[in-house]
Amino acid sequence: MTTESFSDQPPASGSNVHASTATHSAAGSPEAFPAGNESSGGSEREQQMLEVAGRIGGVLGTAVRHARGFSGRVRGGLQLVRGQVTNTVARASQETSGAASQFTETAREEAAGWSQAVRQKAGEFRQQARGIKTEYPLQMILGLALVSFVIGFGIRIWRSTRG
């Protein structure tokens, strides 16, 4: 047997293989390899098989070359997507950080406003309590005594039911 190099080019027009037979029945059907002259030792059939094998090898080589090119394009595309995702995450992180800072500042301002309102109401309550204590001292003492009695009575009942 001789060693030949195969390419994805079709065989020369003077070859013994019929182009329609080789391309349409490359699966190895009996039509692809017509019975040759038995007296020639099958050399014509071997030649046809080699030519078909060469075409198959050429097609497979082309497929592998395209697949390698495709995998390179896929890797490039994945790197592009990775870069876009990284940029998007960084941008979202910056926006989130800015929003968090703004939220914190707003919360501080609101808390300061509430604190000021509570101080103001407490001052008003103290002022009213001083006014009541000055105007009604006896009623104030009786009110405190009543509240103390009720609290003491409640504690006594609670302790008696407890044990």
C-alpha atoms as a PDB file:
ATOM      1  CA  MET A   1       0.000   0.000   0.000  1.00  0.00           C
ATOM      2  CA  THR A   2       1.140   3.512  -0.669  1.00  0.00           C
ATOM      3  CA  THR A   3       0.884   6.420   1.748  1.00  0.00           C
ATOM      4  CA  GLU A   4      -1.001   9.397   0.401  1.00  0.00           C
ATOM      5  CA  SER A   5      -1.814  12.747   1.952  1.00  0.00           C
ATOM      6  CA  PHE A   6      -5.456  13.696   1.819  1.00  0.00           C
ATOM      7  CA  SER A   7      -6.994  17.141   1.694  1.00  0.00           C
ATOM      8  CA  ASP A   8     -10.513  18.474   1.676  1.00  0.00           C
ATOM      9  CA  GLN A   9     -10.258  19.112  -2.064  1.00  0.00           C
ATOM     10  CA  PRO A  10     -12.263  16.837  -4.382  1.00  0.00           C
ATOM     11  CA  PRO A  11     -10.288  14.298  -6.395  1.00  0.00           C
ATOM     12  CA  ALA A  12      -9.093  15.190  -9.855  1.00  0.00           C
ATOM     13  CA  SER A  13     -11.587  14.917 -12.654  1.00  0.00           C
ATOM     14  CA  GLY A  14      -9.693  12.003 -14.185  1.00  0.00           C
ATOM     15  CA  SER A  15     -10.097   9.724 -11.144  1.00  0.00           C
ATOM     16  CA  ASN A  16     -12.036   6.503 -11.215  1.00  0.00           C
ATOM     17  CA  VAL A  17     -14.650   7.544  -8.615  1.00  0.00           C
ATOM     18  CA  HIS A  18     -17.911   8.988  -9.785  1.00  0.00           C
ATOM     19  CA  ALA A  19     -18.548  12.272  -7.934  1.00  0.00           C
ATOM     20  CA  SER A  20     -22.264  11.633  -7.464  1.00  0.00           C
ATOM     21  CA  THR A  21     -21.692   8.144  -6.101  1.00  0.00           C
ATOM     22  CA  ALA A  22     -18.973   9.195  -3.669  1.00  0.00           C
ATOM     23  CA  THR A  23     -20.809  12.180  -2.237  1.00  0.00           C
ATOM     24  CA  HIS A  24     -24.305  10.695  -1.993  1.00  0.00           C
ATOM     25  CA  SER A  25     -23.361   7.241  -0.730  1.00  0.00           C
ATOM     26  CA  ALA A  26     -20.337   7.893   1.430  1.00  0.00           C
ATOM     27  CA  ALA A  27     -21.831   5.712   4.184  1.00  0.00           C
ATOM     28  CA  GLY A  28     -20.417   2.646   2.503  1.00  0.00           C
ATOM     29  CA  SER A  29     -23.428   1.461   0.566  1.00  0.00           C
ATOM     30  CA  PRO A  30     -22.821  -1.115  -2.153  1.00  0.00           C
ATOM     31  CA  GLU A  31     -23.412   1.529  -4.847  1.00  0.00           C
ATOM     32  CA  ALA A  32     -20.413   3.532  -3.613  1.00  0.00           C
ATOM     33  CA  PHE A  33     -18.086   0.653  -4.380  1.00  0.00           C
ATOM     34  CA  PRO A  34     -19.178  -1.095  -7.551  1.00  0.00           C
ATOM     35  CA  ALA A  35     -17.841  -4.560  -7.984  1.00  0.00           C
ATOM     36  CA  GLY A  36     -14.660  -4.260  -9.964  1.00  0.00           C
ATOM     37  CA  ASN A  37     -12.984  -6.715 -12.211  1.00  0.00           C
ATOM     38  CA  GLU A  38     -12.167  -9.777 -10.085  1.00  0.00           C
ATOM     39  CA  SER A  39      -9.173 -10.612 -12.183  1.00  0.00           C
ATOM     40  CA  SER A  40      -7.440  -7.307 -11.346  1.00  0.00           C
ATOM     41  CA  GLY A  41      -7.175  -8.322  -7.654  1.00  0.00           C
ATOM     42  CA  GLY A  42      -9.495  -5.605  -6.344  1.00  0.00           C
ATOM     43  CA  SER A  43      -7.047  -2.726  -6.965  1.00  0.00           C
ATOM     44  CA  GLU A  44      -9.733  -0.562  -8.539  1.00  0.00           C
ATOM     45  CA  ARG A  45     -11.965  -1.108  -5.509  1.00  0.00           C
ATOM     46  CA  GLU A  46      -9.084  -0.295  -3.175  1.00  0.00           C
ATOM     47  CA  GLN A  47      -8.418   2.899  -5.133  1.00  0.00           C
ATOM     48  CA  GLN A  48     -12.076   3.916  -4.829  1.00  0.00           C
ATOM     49  CA  MET A  49     -12.031   3.186  -1.086  1.00  0.00           C
ATOM     50  CA  LEU A  50      -8.875   5.272  -0.661  1.00  0.00           C
ATOM     51  CA  GLU A  51     -10.389   8.195  -2.534  1.00  0.00           C
ATOM     52  CA  VAL A  52     -13.595   8.053  -0.454  1.00  0.00           C
ATOM     53  CA  ALA A  53     -11.517   7.748   2.714  1.00  0.00           C
ATOM     54  CA  GLY A  54      -9.531  10.786   1.596  1.00  0.00           C
ATOM     55  CA  ARG A  55     -12.708  12.788   1.135  1.00  0.00           C
ATOM     56  CA  ILE A  56     -14.012  11.697   4.532  1.00  0.00           C
ATOM     57  CA  GLY A  57     -10.696  12.647   6.133  1.00  0.00           C
ATOM     58  CA  GLY A  58     -10.781  16.017   4.430  1.00  0.00           C
ATOM     59  CA  VAL A  59     -14.306  16.686   5.634  1.00  0.00           C
ATOM     60  CA  LEU A  60     -13.382  15.626   9.181  1.00  0.00           C
ATOM     61  CA  GLY A  61     -10.291  17.839   9.090  1.00  0.00           C
ATOM     62  CA  THR A  62     -12.391  20.800   8.010  1.00  0.00           C
ATOM     63  CA  ALA A  63     -14.895  20.059  10.786  1.00  0.00           C
ATOM     64  CA  VAL A  64     -12.115  19.906  13.384  1.00  0.00           C
ATOM     65  CA  ARG A  65     -10.604  23.156  12.107  1.00  0.00           C
ATOM     66  CA  HIS A  66     -13.994  24.872  12.306  1.00  0.00           C
ATOM     67  CA  ALA A  67     -14.627  23.434  15.773  1.00  0.00           C
ATOM     68  CA  ARG A  68     -11.266  24.776  17.015  1.00  0.00           C
ATOM     69  CA  GLY A  69     -12.044  28.172  15.564  1.00  0.00           C
ATOM     70  CA  PHE A  70     -15.480  28.052  17.184  1.00  0.00           C
ATOM     71  CA  SER A  71     -14.021  27.211  20.595  1.00  0.00           C
ATOM     72  CA  GLY A  72     -11.656  30.179  20.265  1.00  0.00           C
ATOM     73  CA  ARG A  73     -14.554  32.458  19.431  1.00  0.00           C
ATOM     74  CA  VAL A  74     -16.531  31.055  22.368  1.00  0.00           C
ATOM     75  CA  ARG A  75     -13.609  31.726  24.734  1.00  0.00           C
ATOM     76  CA  GLY A  76     -13.333  35.256  23.383  1.00  0.00           C
ATOM     77  CA  GLY A  77     -17.056  35.756  23.808  1.00  0.00           C
ATOM     78  CA  LEU A  78     -16.929  34.431  27.370  1.00  0.00           C
ATOM     79  CA  GLN A  79     -14.097  36.811  28.204  1.00  0.00           C
ATOM     80  CA  LEU A  80     -16.135  39.665  26.740  1.00  0.00           C
ATOM     81  CA  VAL A  81     -19.172  38.641  28.805  1.00  0.00           C
ATOM     82  CA  ARG A  82     -16.996  38.295  31.924  1.00  0.00           C
ATOM     83  CA  GLY A  83     -15.671  41.811  31.368  1.00  0.00           C
ATOM     84  CA  GLN A  84     -19.164  43.216  30.900  1.00  0.00           C
ATOM     85  CA  VAL A  85     -20.418  41.433  34.031  1.00  0.00           C
ATOM     86  CA  THR A  86     -17.455  42.746  36.026  1.00  0.00           C
ATOM     87  CA  ASN A  87     -18.142  46.293  34.818  1.00  0.00           C
ATOM     88  CA  THR A  88     -21.844  45.970  35.588  1.00  0.00           C
ATOM     89  CA  VAL A  89     -21.154  44.628  39.089  1.00  0.00           C
ATOM     90  CA  ALA A  90     -18.661  47.410  39.781  1.00  0.00           C
ATOM     91  CA  ARG A  91     -21.118  50.047  38.563  1.00  0.00           C
ATOM     92  CA  ALA A  92     -23.945  48.510  40.627  1.00  0.00           C
ATOM     93  CA  SER A  93     -21.659  48.399  43.668  1.00  0.00           C
ATOM     94  CA  GLN A  94     -20.835  52.081  43.290  1.00  0.00           C
ATOM     95  CA  GLU A  95     -24.492  52.997  42.849  1.00  0.00           C
ATOM     96  CA  THR A  96     -25.465  50.865  45.855  1.00  0.00           C
ATOM     97  CA  SER A  97     -22.714  52.430  47.944  1.00  0.00           C
ATOM     98  CA  GLY A  98     -23.923  55.892  46.980  1.00  0.00           C
ATOM     99  CA  ALA A  99     -27.517  54.993  47.759  1.00  0.00           C
ATOM    100  CA  ALA A 100     -26.487  53.507  51.112  1.00  0.00           C
ATOM    101  CA  SER A 101     -24.575  56.680  52.000  1.00  0.00           C
ATOM    102  CA  GLN A 102     -27.569  58.805  51.044  1.00  0.00           C
ATOM    103  CA  PHE A 103     -29.907  56.569  53.079  1.00  0.00           C
ATOM    104  CA  THR A 104     -27.589  56.777  56.117  1.00  0.00           C
ATOM    105  CA  GLU A 105     -27.438  60.552  55.883  1.00  0.00           C
ATOM    106  CA  THR A 106     -31.222  60.801  55.570  1.00  0.00           C
ATOM    107  CA  ALA A 107     -31.671  58.473  58.568  1.00  0.00           C
ATOM    108  CA  ARG A 108     -29.300  60.623  60.646  1.00  0.00           C
ATOM    109  CA  GLU A 109     -31.212  63.768  59.732  1.00  0.00           C
ATOM    110  CA  GLU A 110     -34.551  62.128  60.608  1.00  0.00           C
ATOM    111  CA  ALA A 111     -33.184  60.807  63.922  1.00  0.00           C
ATOM    112  CA  ALA A 112     -31.850  64.259  64.786  1.00  0.00           C
ATOM    113  CA  GLY A 113     -35.262  65.755  63.985  1.00  0.00           C
ATOM    114  CA  TRP A 114     -37.077  63.229  66.182  1.00  0.00           C
ATOM    115  CA  SER A 115     -34.598  63.710  69.000  1.00  0.00           C
ATOM    116  CA  GLN A 116     -35.150  67.456  68.878  1.00  0.00           C
ATOM    117  CA  ALA A 117     -38.942  66.959  68.923  1.00  0.00           C
ATOM    118  CA  VAL A 118     -38.713  64.634  71.954  1.00  0.00           C
ATOM    119  CA  ARG A 119     -36.535  67.157  73.830  1.00  0.00           C
ATOM    120  CA  GLN A 120     -39.014  69.909  73.059  1.00  0.00           C
ATOM    121  CA  LYS A 121     -42.011  67.836  74.271  1.00  0.00           C
ATOM    122  CA  ALA A 122     -40.133  66.798  77.448  1.00  0.00           C
ATOM    123  CA  GLY A 123     -39.369  70.466  78.175  1.00  0.00           C
ATOM    124  CA  GLU A 124     -43.030  71.368  77.706  1.00  0.00           C
ATOM    125  CA  PHE A 125     -44.111  68.529  80.038  1.00  0.00           C
ATOM    126  CA  ARG A 126     -41.666  69.649  82.765  1.00  0.00           C
ATOM    127  CA  GLN A 127     -42.948  73.206  82.454  1.00  0.00           C
ATOM    128  CA  GLN A 128     -46.561  72.032  82.846  1.00  0.00           C
ATOM    129  CA  ALA A 129     -45.627  69.825  85.823  1.00  0.00           C
ATOM    130  CA  ARG A 130     -43.976  72.780  87.580  1.00  0.00           C
ATOM    131  CA  GLY A 131     -47.047  74.892  86.932  1.00  0.00           C
ATOM    132  CA  ILE A 132     -49.386  72.246  88.406  1.00  0.00           C
ATOM    133  CA  LYS A 133     -47.115  71.702  91.423  1.00  0.00           C
ATOM    134  CA  THR A 134     -47.070  75.452  92.129  1.00  0.00           C
ATOM    135  CA  GLU A 135     -50.811  76.000  91.598  1.00  0.00           C
ATOM    136  CA  TYR A 136     -52.178  72.800  93.206  1.00  0.00           C
ATOM    137  CA  PRO A 137     -49.683  71.477  95.818  1.00  0.00           C
ATOM    138  CA  LEU A 138     -52.224  69.595  98.021  1.00  0.00           C
ATOM    139  CA  GLN A 139     -53.896  67.864  95.054  1.00  0.00           C
ATOM    140  CA  MET A 140     -50.441  66.847  93.831  1.00  0.00           C
ATOM    141  CA  ILE A 141     -49.564  65.173  97.144  1.00  0.00           C
ATOM    142  CA  LEU A 142     -52.935  63.355  97.290  1.00  0.00           C
ATOM    143  CA  GLY A 143     -52.520  62.185  93.657  1.00  0.00           C
ATOM    144  CA  LEU A 144     -49.070  60.749  94.383  1.00  0.00           C
ATOM    145  CA  ALA A 145     -50.378  59.029  97.530  1.00  0.00           C
ATOM    146  CA  LEU A 146     -53.257  57.465  95.573  1.00  0.00           C
ATOM    147  CA  VAL A 147     -50.953  56.224  92.800  1.00  0.00           C
ATOM    148  CA  SER A 148     -48.562  54.760  95.424  1.00  0.00           C
ATOM    149  CA  PHE A 149     -51.454  52.999  97.208  1.00  0.00           C
ATOM    150  CA  VAL A 150     -52.723  51.441  93.963  1.00  0.00           C
ATOM    151  CA  ILE A 151     -49.248  50.254  92.982  1.00  0.00           C
ATOM    152  CA  GLY A 152     -48.645  48.759  96.478  1.00  0.00           C
ATOM    153  CA  PHE A 153     -52.027  47.000  96.456  1.00  0.00           C
ATOM    154  CA  GLY A 154     -51.320  45.535  93.005  1.00  0.00           C
ATOM    155  CA  ILE A 155     -47.921  44.226  94.111  1.00  0.00           C
ATOM    156  CA  ARG A 156     -49.478  42.625  97.225  1.00  0.00           C
ATOM    157  CA  ILE A 157     -52.105  40.795  95.126  1.00  0.00           C
ATOM    158  CA  TRP A 158     -49.515  39.683  92.608  1.00  0.00           C
ATOM    159  CA  ARG A 159     -47.234  38.235  95.338  1.00  0.00           C
ATOM    160  CA  SER A 160     -50.115  36.385  97.021  1.00  0.00           C
ATOM    161  CA  THR A 161     -51.116  34.628  93.772  1.00  0.00           C
ATOM    162  CA  ARG A 162     -47.552  33.753  92.936  1.00  0.00           C
ATOM    163  CA  GLY A 163     -46.707  31.428  95.743  1.00  0.00           C
END
